[in-house]
Protein backbone atom coordinates (compact mmCIF):
# COMPACT_ATOMS: atom_id res chain seq x y z
CA UNK A 1 32.86 74.16 -35.12
CA UNK A 2 30.48 75.71 -36.08
CA UNK A 3 28.93 79.00 -33.56
CA UNK A 4 26.12 81.88 -32.80
CA UNK A 5 25.82 84.27 -31.32
CA UNK A 6 23.97 82.20 -28.01
CA UNK A 7 26.72 79.23 -28.21
CA UNK A 8 29.57 82.29 -27.78
CA UNK A 9 27.49 83.88 -24.63
CA UNK A 10 27.11 80.29 -23.06
CA UNK A 11 30.62 79.34 -23.47
CA UNK A 12 31.69 82.81 -22.72
CA UNK A 13 29.54 82.62 -19.23
CA UNK A 14 30.61 78.79 -18.31
CA UNK A 15 33.94 80.18 -19.12
CA UNK A 16 34.09 83.20 -16.46
CA UNK A 17 31.92 80.58 -14.05
CA UNK A 18 34.69 77.53 -14.40
CA UNK A 19 37.38 81.04 -13.67
CA UNK A 20 35.57 81.36 -10.09
CA UNK A 21 35.11 78.26 -9.20
CA UNK A 22 38.97 78.11 -9.81
CA UNK A 23 38.34 75.10 -12.01
CA UNK A 24 37.29 73.19 -9.24
CA UNK A 25 34.20 70.37 -9.67
CA UNK A 26 32.67 70.76 -7.00
CA UNK A 27 33.10 74.35 -6.80
CA UNK A 28 31.36 74.75 -10.56
CA UNK A 29 28.84 72.81 -9.45
CA UNK A 30 27.97 74.66 -5.95
CA UNK A 31 27.95 78.12 -8.29
CA UNK A 32 25.26 76.28 -10.79
CA UNK A 33 23.53 75.08 -8.34
CA UNK A 34 22.90 78.26 -6.17
CA UNK A 35 22.53 80.44 -9.41
CA UNK A 36 19.24 77.73 -10.00
CA UNK A 37 17.92 78.00 -6.41
CA UNK A 38 18.38 81.90 -7.23
CA UNK A 39 16.52 81.81 -10.20
CA UNK A 40 13.73 79.12 -8.79
CA UNK A 41 12.73 82.04 -6.23
CA UNK A 42 13.11 84.85 -8.72
CA UNK A 43 11.01 83.39 -11.22
CA UNK A 44 8.55 81.51 -8.82
CA UNK A 45 9.14 77.95 -10.87
CA UNK A 46 10.31 74.76 -9.20
CA UNK A 47 13.57 72.87 -11.66
CA UNK A 48 12.97 68.72 -11.55
CA UNK A 49 15.80 66.43 -10.85
CA UNK A 50 16.54 63.54 -12.72
CA UNK A 51 18.87 60.85 -13.21
CA UNK A 52 19.35 57.92 -15.72
CA UNK A 53 18.93 54.31 -14.14
CA UNK A 54 19.61 51.90 -17.19
CA UNK A 55 18.88 54.29 -20.30
CA UNK A 56 15.86 55.43 -17.97
CA UNK A 57 15.58 59.19 -16.21
CA UNK A 58 14.62 58.88 -13.14
CA UNK A 59 12.93 61.84 -10.81
CA UNK A 60 15.13 62.56 -7.87
CA UNK A 61 14.71 64.82 -4.57
CA UNK A 62 15.35 68.12 -5.24
CA UNK A 63 18.37 69.47 -3.00
CA UNK A 64 17.14 72.54 -1.90
CA UNK A 65 20.17 73.26 0.00
CA UNK A 66 24.02 72.88 -1.13
CA UNK A 67 24.46 71.03 2.28
CA UNK A 68 24.08 67.38 1.16
CA UNK A 69 26.04 64.98 0.33
CA UNK A 70 29.12 65.49 -2.81
CA UNK A 71 29.65 63.09 -5.43
CA UNK A 72 32.78 61.12 -5.33
CA UNK A 73 34.86 61.33 -8.78
CA UNK A 74 37.36 59.02 -9.93
C-alpha cells in the first residue's frame, strides 16, 4: 500500500478512536460527531451533511445533538 505522512497520521487517529470506542461502531460514530460539533463551535463553521439517494447526494438536516435515533446495522 502506498503511504505518506498524512495517511499514516489518519490511520493512527482512526485506530486510536476505534480503540477508545472499544471497536463499537455506534460509540465510534458518537466520538466522531462530538469532534465535529466541537470543531464547528471552535472554528465557527458548519458541516453540511448529505445522504445519497438514487446516485444523487441530497442535503440532510444536521444533527445538533447526539440524542437522535440510531441507524440499525445488519
